[in-house]
Every structure is written in C-alpha cells, then in structure tokens.
Amino acid sequence: MHWELELVLYVFLVIAALVSLYVKDLLTAVVSLSVFSYVLAMLFVSMGAIDVGFTEAVVGAGVTGVLFVVMIYKTSRRSND
C-alpha cells in the first residue's frame, strides 16, 4: 500500500540493528534496540496490524528498554582496555 514508507522503515530498521550490534557502550546498544522496536511497531501499524504495533511499542520499546537501562545502572563498570 505505502511501499515508500515501508522501505524507509526497513532501512531505519537495518540501521538500528547494525548500530546495536557494533557499538561498545551498553547504554547506546539499549537505546538503539528501543529504536529498533519502535520502528518495528511503526512498520506493523503501516501494514495494518494496529494491535500488534501497539503491543510492540509498549513491550518492546517501553518496558524492555526501561528494564535494560535499570539493569545497566545496577551493574558496575569494568574495562579490559
């Protein structure tokens, strides 16, 4: 239906996935994974699956991102440089 929008969302999806794979900082990886989940939710909505998109936005981008950030701040930082 809106193939241009879906193409742009797929490009952002791949970029967010690659950023989360190759960054060294854990907080940056968690933020990029939350961006990945939010873009995926927008992709679901653009395809017509509104309920799946809403669930992905709440659980994937919201709750999981907050839990990961809390766990990162509860751990201590060590560097092997």
PDB file of N, CA and C in Angstrom:
ATOM      1  N   MET A   1       0.817  -1.186   0.000  1.00  0.00           N
ATOM      2  CA  MET A   1       0.000   0.000   0.000  1.00  0.00           C
ATOM      3  C   MET A   1       0.866   1.258   0.000  1.00  0.00           C
ATOM      4  N   HIS A   2       1.631   1.467   1.039  1.00  0.00           N
ATOM      5  CA  HIS A   2       2.560   2.592   1.124  1.00  0.00           C
ATOM      6  C   HIS A   2       3.982   2.035   1.073  1.00  0.00           C
ATOM      7  N   TRP A   3       4.394   1.602  -0.083  1.00  0.00           N
ATOM      8  CA  TRP A   3       5.667   0.897  -0.161  1.00  0.00           C
ATOM      9  C   TRP A   3       6.850   1.825   0.093  1.00  0.00           C
ATOM     10  N   GLU A   4       6.712   3.107  -0.180  1.00  0.00           N
ATOM     11  CA  GLU A   4       7.819   4.038   0.084  1.00  0.00           C
ATOM     12  C   GLU A   4       8.065   4.175   1.587  1.00  0.00           C
ATOM     13  N   LEU A   5       6.963   4.309   2.337  1.00  0.00           N
ATOM     14  CA  LEU A   5       7.073   4.399   3.792  1.00  0.00           C
ATOM     15  C   LEU A   5       7.663   3.122   4.380  1.00  0.00           C
ATOM     16  N   GLU A   6       7.210   1.979   3.890  1.00  0.00           N
ATOM     17  CA  GLU A   6       7.727   0.709   4.391  1.00  0.00           C
ATOM     18  C   GLU A   6       9.203   0.536   4.052  1.00  0.00           C
ATOM     19  N   LEU A   7       9.619   0.997   2.888  1.00  0.00           N
ATOM     20  CA  LEU A   7      11.025   0.912   2.503  1.00  0.00           C
ATOM     21  C   LEU A   7      11.895   1.757   3.429  1.00  0.00           C
ATOM     22  N   VAL A   8      11.445   2.966   3.738  1.00  0.00           N
ATOM     23  CA  VAL A   8      12.180   3.837   4.659  1.00  0.00           C
ATOM     24  C   VAL A   8      12.253   3.201   6.046  1.00  0.00           C
ATOM     25  N   LEU A   9      11.150   2.621   6.495  1.00  0.00           N
ATOM     26  CA  LEU A   9      11.145   1.973   7.813  1.00  0.00           C
ATOM     27  C   LEU A   9      12.074   0.763   7.841  1.00  0.00           C
ATOM     28  N   TYR A  10      12.115  -0.004   6.752  1.00  0.00           N
ATOM     29  CA  TYR A  10      13.052  -1.134   6.685  1.00  0.00           C
ATOM     30  C   TYR A  10      14.503  -0.669   6.736  1.00  0.00           C
ATOM     31  N   VAL A  11      14.801   0.442   6.075  1.00  0.00           N
ATOM     32  CA  VAL A  11      16.170   0.969   6.113  1.00  0.00           C
ATOM     33  C   VAL A  11      16.534   1.395   7.528  1.00  0.00           C
ATOM     34  N   PHE A  12      15.621   2.117   8.203  1.00  0.00           N
ATOM     35  CA  PHE A  12      15.868   2.506   9.595  1.00  0.00           C
ATOM     36  C   PHE A  12      15.996   1.289  10.495  1.00  0.00           C
ATOM     37  N   LEU A  13      15.235   0.236  10.212  1.00  0.00           N
ATOM     38  CA  LEU A  13      15.292  -0.988  10.996  1.00  0.00           C
ATOM     39  C   LEU A  13      16.668  -1.635  10.894  1.00  0.00           C
ATOM     40  N   VAL A  14      17.193  -1.721   9.696  1.00  0.00           N
ATOM     41  CA  VAL A  14      18.517  -2.315   9.490  1.00  0.00           C
ATOM     42  C   VAL A  14      19.604  -1.450  10.129  1.00  0.00           C
ATOM     43  N   ILE A  15      19.487  -0.135  10.006  1.00  0.00           N
ATOM     44  CA  ILE A  15      20.483   0.762  10.605  1.00  0.00           C
ATOM     45  C   ILE A  15      20.484   0.625  12.126  1.00  0.00           C
ATOM     46  N   ALA A  16      19.302   0.590  12.732  1.00  0.00           N
ATOM     47  CA  ALA A  16      19.221   0.452  14.192  1.00  0.00           C
ATOM     48  C   ALA A  16      19.779  -0.890  14.646  1.00  0.00           C
ATOM     49  N   ALA A  17      19.525  -1.938  13.888  1.00  0.00           N
ATOM     50  CA  ALA A  17      20.059  -3.251  14.247  1.00  0.00           C
ATOM     51  C   ALA A  17      21.579  -3.276  14.154  1.00  0.00           C
ATOM     52  N   LEU A  18      22.127  -2.693  13.102  1.00  0.00           N
ATOM     53  CA  LEU A  18      23.582  -2.682  12.954  1.00  0.00           C
ATOM     54  C   LEU A  18      24.255  -1.816  14.012  1.00  0.00           C
ATOM     55  N   VAL A  19      23.646  -0.695  14.353  1.00  0.00           N
ATOM     56  CA  VAL A  19      24.207   0.151  15.405  1.00  0.00           C
ATOM     57  C   VAL A  19      24.226  -0.598  16.728  1.00  0.00           C
ATOM     58  N   SER A  20      23.140  -1.289  17.052  1.00  0.00           N
ATOM     59  CA  SER A  20      23.100  -2.007  18.327  1.00  0.00           C
ATOM     60  C   SER A  20      24.067  -3.182  18.360  1.00  0.00           C
ATOM     61  N   LEU A  21      24.422  -3.721  17.211  1.00  0.00           N
ATOM     62  CA  LEU A  21      25.390  -4.818  17.180  1.00  0.00           C
ATOM     63  C   LEU A  21      26.830  -4.356  17.340  1.00  0.00           C
ATOM     64  N   TYR A  22      27.155  -3.189  16.787  1.00  0.00           N
ATOM     65  CA  TYR A  22      28.552  -2.803  16.692  1.00  0.00           C
ATOM     66  C   TYR A  22      29.012  -1.723  17.659  1.00  0.00           C
ATOM     67  N   VAL A  23      28.146  -1.196  18.508  1.00  0.00           N
ATOM     68  CA  VAL A  23      28.591  -0.186  19.471  1.00  0.00           C
ATOM     69  C   VAL A  23      29.220  -0.868  20.680  1.00  0.00           C
ATOM     70  N   LYS A  24      30.121  -0.156  21.343  1.00  0.00           N
ATOM     71  CA  LYS A  24      30.793  -0.711  22.522  1.00  0.00           C
ATOM     72  C   LYS A  24      30.058  -0.381  23.816  1.00  0.00           C
ATOM     73  N   ASP A  25      29.350   0.742  23.842  1.00  0.00           N
ATOM     74  CA  ASP A  25      28.666   1.174  25.051  1.00  0.00           C
ATOM     75  C   ASP A  25      27.320   0.450  25.171  1.00  0.00           C
ATOM     76  N   LEU A  26      27.055  -0.122  26.343  1.00  0.00           N
ATOM     77  CA  LEU A  26      25.824  -0.877  26.537  1.00  0.00           C
ATOM     78  C   LEU A  26      24.588   0.013  26.509  1.00  0.00           C
ATOM     79  N   LEU A  27      24.696   1.206  27.052  1.00  0.00           N
ATOM     80  CA  LEU A  27      23.543   2.104  27.062  1.00  0.00           C
ATOM     81  C   LEU A  27      23.149   2.513  25.643  1.00  0.00           C
ATOM     82  N   THR A  28      24.126   2.749  24.798  1.00  0.00           N
ATOM     83  CA  THR A  28      23.843   3.070  23.398  1.00  0.00           C
ATOM     84  C   THR A  28      23.193   1.878  22.695  1.00  0.00           C
ATOM     85  N   ALA A  29      23.627   0.677  23.017  1.00  0.00           N
ATOM     86  CA  ALA A  29      23.029  -0.516  22.428  1.00  0.00           C
ATOM     87  C   ALA A  29      21.572  -0.673  22.856  1.00  0.00           C
ATOM     88  N   VAL A  30      21.284  -0.390  24.119  1.00  0.00           N
ATOM     89  CA  VAL A  30      19.913  -0.498  24.602  1.00  0.00           C
ATOM     90  C   VAL A  30      19.022   0.548  23.950  1.00  0.00           C
ATOM     91  N   VAL A  31      19.521   1.753  23.800  1.00  0.00           N
ATOM     92  CA  VAL A  31      18.729   2.810  23.158  1.00  0.00           C
ATOM     93  C   VAL A  31      18.471   2.457  21.700  1.00  0.00           C
ATOM     94  N   SER A  32      19.467   1.939  21.011  1.00  0.00           N
ATOM     95  CA  SER A  32      19.255   1.580  19.613  1.00  0.00           C
ATOM     96  C   SER A  32      18.323   0.376  19.478  1.00  0.00           C
ATOM     97  N   LEU A  33      18.315  -0.534  20.449  1.00  0.00           N
ATOM     98  CA  LEU A  33      17.345  -1.626  20.421  1.00  0.00           C
ATOM     99  C   LEU A  33      15.930  -1.116  20.677  1.00  0.00           C
ATOM    100  N   SER A  34      15.803  -0.106  21.522  1.00  0.00           N
ATOM    101  CA  SER A  34      14.486   0.500  21.731  1.00  0.00           C
ATOM    102  C   SER A  34      14.018   1.211  20.465  1.00  0.00           C
ATOM    103  N   VAL A  35      14.937   1.874  19.784  1.00  0.00           N
ATOM    104  CA  VAL A  35      14.596   2.496  18.499  1.00  0.00           C
ATOM    105  C   VAL A  35      14.181   1.428  17.491  1.00  0.00           C
ATOM    106  N   PHE A  36      14.884   0.309  17.490  1.00  0.00           N
ATOM    107  CA  PHE A  36      14.539  -0.819  16.615  1.00  0.00           C
ATOM    108  C   PHE A  36      13.111  -1.285  16.879  1.00  0.00           C
ATOM    109  N   SER A  37      12.753  -1.450  18.148  1.00  0.00           N
ATOM    110  CA  SER A  37      11.410  -1.905  18.489  1.00  0.00           C
ATOM    111  C   SER A  37      10.355  -0.882  18.101  1.00  0.00           C
ATOM    112  N   TYR A  38      10.664   0.405  18.281  1.00  0.00           N
ATOM    113  CA  TYR A  38       9.699   1.439  17.924  1.00  0.00           C
ATOM    114  C   TYR A  38       9.499   1.511  16.415  1.00  0.00           C
ATOM    115  N   VAL A  39      10.566   1.387  15.649  1.00  0.00           N
ATOM    116  CA  VAL A  39      10.440   1.387  14.180  1.00  0.00           C
ATOM    117  C   VAL A  39       9.675   0.155  13.722  1.00  0.00           C
ATOM    118  N   LEU A  40       9.913  -0.974  14.371  1.00  0.00           N
ATOM    119  CA  LEU A  40       9.170  -2.184  14.042  1.00  0.00           C
ATOM    120  C   LEU A  40       7.686  -2.009  14.350  1.00  0.00           C
ATOM    121  N   ALA A  41       7.371  -1.322  15.448  1.00  0.00           N
ATOM    122  CA  ALA A  41       5.971  -1.041  15.769  1.00  0.00           C
ATOM    123  C   ALA A  41       5.331  -0.161  14.707  1.00  0.00           C
ATOM    124  N   MET A  42       6.072   0.842  14.238  1.00  0.00           N
ATOM    125  CA  MET A  42       5.539   1.693  13.167  1.00  0.00           C
ATOM    126  C   MET A  42       5.346   0.900  11.876  1.00  0.00           C
ATOM    127  N   LEU A  43       6.236  -0.049  11.623  1.00  0.00           N
ATOM    128  CA  LEU A  43       6.097  -0.895  10.444  1.00  0.00           C
ATOM    129  C   LEU A  43       4.849  -1.771  10.542  1.00  0.00           C
ATOM    130  N   PHE A  44       4.597  -2.315  11.720  1.00  0.00           N
ATOM    131  CA  PHE A  44       3.379  -3.108  11.921  1.00  0.00           C
ATOM    132  C   PHE A  44       2.124  -2.267  11.694  1.00  0.00           C
ATOM    133  N   VAL A  45       2.138  -1.044  12.205  1.00  0.00           N
ATOM    134  CA  VAL A  45       0.983  -0.160  12.031  1.00  0.00           C
ATOM    135  C   VAL A  45       0.792   0.197  10.560  1.00  0.00           C
ATOM    136  N   SER A  46       1.884   0.435   9.847  1.00  0.00           N
ATOM    137  CA  SER A  46       1.751   0.764   8.429  1.00  0.00           C
ATOM    138  C   SER A  46       1.234  -0.419   7.614  1.00  0.00           C
ATOM    139  N   MET A  47       1.437  -1.628   8.116  1.00  0.00           N
ATOM    140  CA  MET A  47       0.915  -2.811   7.425  1.00  0.00           C
ATOM    141  C   MET A  47      -0.524  -3.135   7.813  1.00  0.00           C
ATOM    142  N   GLY A  48      -1.049  -2.415   8.811  1.00  0.00           N
ATOM    143  CA  GLY A  48      -2.442  -2.623   9.192  1.00  0.00           C
ATOM    144  C   GLY A  48      -2.648  -3.420  10.459  1.00  0.00           C
ATOM    145  N   ALA A  49      -1.590  -3.871  11.094  1.00  0.00           N
ATOM    146  CA  ALA A  49      -1.704  -4.635  12.340  1.00  0.00           C
ATOM    147  C   ALA A  49      -1.534  -3.681  13.522  1.00  0.00           C
ATOM    148  N   ILE A  50      -2.579  -2.929  13.804  1.00  0.00           N
ATOM    149  CA  ILE A  50      -2.501  -1.874  14.812  1.00  0.00           C
ATOM    150  C   ILE A  50      -2.294  -2.465  16.202  1.00  0.00           C
ATOM    151  N   ASP A  51      -2.994  -3.550  16.513  1.00  0.00           N
ATOM    152  CA  ASP A  51      -2.862  -4.136  17.847  1.00  0.00           C
ATOM    153  C   ASP A  51      -1.467  -4.713  18.079  1.00  0.00           C
ATOM    154  N   VAL A  52      -0.886  -5.311  17.063  1.00  0.00           N
ATOM    155  CA  VAL A  52       0.474  -5.843  17.187  1.00  0.00           C
ATOM    156  C   VAL A  52       1.483  -4.704  17.314  1.00  0.00           C
ATOM    157  N   GLY A  53       1.273  -3.637  16.564  1.00  0.00           N
ATOM    158  CA  GLY A  53       2.156  -2.478  16.650  1.00  0.00           C
ATOM    159  C   GLY A  53       2.103  -1.818  18.006  1.00  0.00           C
ATOM    160  N   PHE A  54       0.899  -1.691  18.570  1.00  0.00           N
ATOM    161  CA  PHE A  54       0.759  -1.102  19.901  1.00  0.00           C
ATOM    162  C   PHE A  54       1.445  -1.963  20.956  1.00  0.00           C
ATOM    163  N   THR A  55       1.267  -3.273  20.858  1.00  0.00           N
ATOM    164  CA  THR A  55       1.909  -4.180  21.813  1.00  0.00           C
ATOM    165  C   THR A  55       3.423  -4.121  21.692  1.00  0.00           C
ATOM    166  N   GLU A  56       3.933  -4.057  20.476  1.00  0.00           N
ATOM    167  CA  GLU A  56       5.379  -3.962  20.264  1.00  0.00           C
ATOM    168  C   GLU A  56       5.926  -2.652  20.814  1.00  0.00           C
ATOM    169  N   ALA A  57       5.190  -1.579  20.650  1.00  0.00           N
ATOM    170  CA  ALA A  57       5.646  -0.289  21.162  1.00  0.00           C
ATOM    171  C   ALA A  57       5.678  -0.286  22.685  1.00  0.00           C
ATOM    172  N   VAL A  58       4.667  -0.839  23.317  1.00  0.00           N
ATOM    173  CA  VAL A  58       4.606  -0.835  24.782  1.00  0.00           C
ATOM    174  C   VAL A  58       5.625  -1.795  25.372  1.00  0.00           C
ATOM    175  N   VAL A  59       5.645  -3.014  24.892  1.00  0.00           N
ATOM    176  CA  VAL A  59       6.522  -4.030  25.485  1.00  0.00           C
ATOM    177  C   VAL A  59       7.948  -3.909  24.961  1.00  0.00           C
ATOM    178  N   GLY A  60       8.115  -3.858  23.660  1.00  0.00           N
ATOM    179  CA  GLY A  60       9.452  -3.855  23.076  1.00  0.00           C
ATOM    180  C   GLY A  60      10.219  -2.576  23.313  1.00  0.00           C
ATOM    181  N   ALA A  61       9.608  -1.450  22.995  1.00  0.00           N
ATOM    182  CA  ALA A  61      10.310  -0.177  23.138  1.00  0.00           C
ATOM    183  C   ALA A  61      10.209   0.380  24.544  1.00  0.00           C
ATOM    184  N   GLY A  62       9.114   0.111  25.234  1.00  0.00           N
ATOM    185  CA  GLY A  62       8.903   0.704  26.549  1.00  0.00           C
ATOM    186  C   GLY A  62       9.472  -0.102  27.692  1.00  0.00           C
ATOM    187  N   VAL A  63       8.811  -1.188  28.017  1.00  0.00           N
ATOM    188  CA  VAL A  63       9.141  -1.954  29.216  1.00  0.00           C
ATOM    189  C   VAL A  63      10.523  -2.592  29.119  1.00  0.00           C
ATOM    190  N   THR A  64      10.834  -3.213  28.005  1.00  0.00           N
ATOM    191  CA  THR A  64      12.124  -3.871  27.864  1.00  0.00           C
ATOM    192  C   THR A  64      13.276  -2.873  27.906  1.00  0.00           C
ATOM    193  N   GLY A  65      13.109  -1.733  27.243  1.00  0.00           N
ATOM    194  CA  GLY A  65      14.149  -0.703  27.275  1.00  0.00           C
ATOM    195  C   GLY A  65      14.399  -0.175  28.670  1.00  0.00           C
ATOM    196  N   VAL A  66      13.328   0.078  29.415  1.00  0.00           N
ATOM    197  CA  VAL A  66      13.474   0.574  30.790  1.00  0.00           C
ATOM    198  C   VAL A  66      14.145  -0.478  31.665  1.00  0.00           C
ATOM    199  N   LEU A  67      13.763  -1.739  31.532  1.00  0.00           N
ATOM    200  CA  LEU A  67      14.385  -2.802  32.332  1.00  0.00           C
ATOM    201  C   LEU A  67      15.873  -2.943  32.019  1.00  0.00           C
ATOM    202  N   PHE A  68      16.234  -2.864  30.742  1.00  0.00           N
ATOM    203  CA  PHE A  68      17.649  -2.947  30.378  1.00  0.00           C
ATOM    204  C   PHE A  68      18.451  -1.781  30.938  1.00  0.00           C
ATOM    205  N   VAL A  69      17.896  -0.577  30.870  1.00  0.00           N
ATOM    206  CA  VAL A  69      18.602   0.594  31.397  1.00  0.00           C
ATOM    207  C   VAL A  69      18.780   0.475  32.904  1.00  0.00           C
ATOM    208  N   VAL A  70      17.760   0.019  33.613  1.00  0.00           N
ATOM    209  CA  VAL A  70      17.872  -0.170  35.068  1.00  0.00           C
ATOM    210  C   VAL A  70      18.933  -1.209  35.390  1.00  0.00           C
ATOM    211  N   MET A  71      18.983  -2.294  34.646  1.00  0.00           N
ATOM    212  CA  MET A  71      19.983  -3.339  34.909  1.00  0.00           C
ATOM    213  C   MET A  71      21.397  -2.847  34.598  1.00  0.00           C
ATOM    214  N   ILE A  72      21.550  -2.012  33.586  1.00  0.00           N
ATOM    215  CA  ILE A  72      22.872  -1.459  33.291  1.00  0.00           C
ATOM    216  C   ILE A  72      23.347  -0.580  34.435  1.00  0.00           C
ATOM    217  N   TYR A  73      22.451   0.247  34.980  1.00  0.00           N
ATOM    218  CA  TYR A  73      22.855   1.129  36.069  1.00  0.00           C
ATOM    219  C   TYR A  73      23.043   0.408  37.393  1.00  0.00           C
ATOM    220  N   LYS A  74      22.521  -0.804  37.523  1.00  0.00           N
ATOM    221  CA  LYS A  74      22.723  -1.587  38.738  1.00  0.00           C
ATOM    222  C   LYS A  74      24.015  -2.405  38.697  1.00  0.00           C
ATOM    223  N   THR A  75      24.665  -2.486  37.553  1.00  0.00           N
ATOM    224  CA  THR A  75      25.920  -3.222  37.456  1.00  0.00           C
ATOM    225  C   THR A  75      27.087  -2.239  37.548  1.00  0.00           C
ATOM    226  N   SER A  76      28.254  -2.785  37.843  1.00  0.00           N
ATOM    227  CA  SER A  76      29.441  -1.928  37.910  1.00  0.00           C
ATOM    228  C   SER A  76      30.173  -2.003  36.585  1.00  0.00           C
ATOM    229  N   ARG A  77      30.873  -0.936  36.266  1.00  0.00           N
ATOM    230  CA  ARG A  77      31.616  -0.872  35.015  1.00  0.00           C
ATOM    231  C   ARG A  77      33.050  -1.323  35.234  1.00  0.00           C
ATOM    232  N   ARG A  78      33.485  -2.216  34.372  1.00  0.00           N
ATOM    233  CA  ARG A  78      34.892  -2.635  34.345  1.00  0.00           C
ATOM    234  C   ARG A  78      35.363  -2.541  32.920  1.00  0.00           C
ATOM    235  N   SER A  79      36.616  -2.175  32.751  1.00  0.00           N
ATOM    236  CA  SER A  79      37.165  -2.056  31.404  1.00  0.00           C
ATOM    237  C   SER A  79      38.397  -2.942  31.293  1.00  0.00           C
ATOM    238  N   ASN A  80      38.488  -3.640  30.186  1.00  0.00           N
ATOM    239  CA  ASN A  80      39.647  -4.504  29.935  1.00  0.00           C
ATOM    240  C   ASN A  80      40.602  -3.865  28.943  1.00  0.00           C
ATOM    241  N   ASP A  81      40.566  -2.547  28.815  1.00  0.00           N
ATOM    242  CA  ASP A  81      41.428  -1.855  27.852  1.00  0.00           C
ATOM    243  C   ASP A  81      42.875  -1.879  28.252  1.00  0.00           C
TER     244      ASP A  81
END
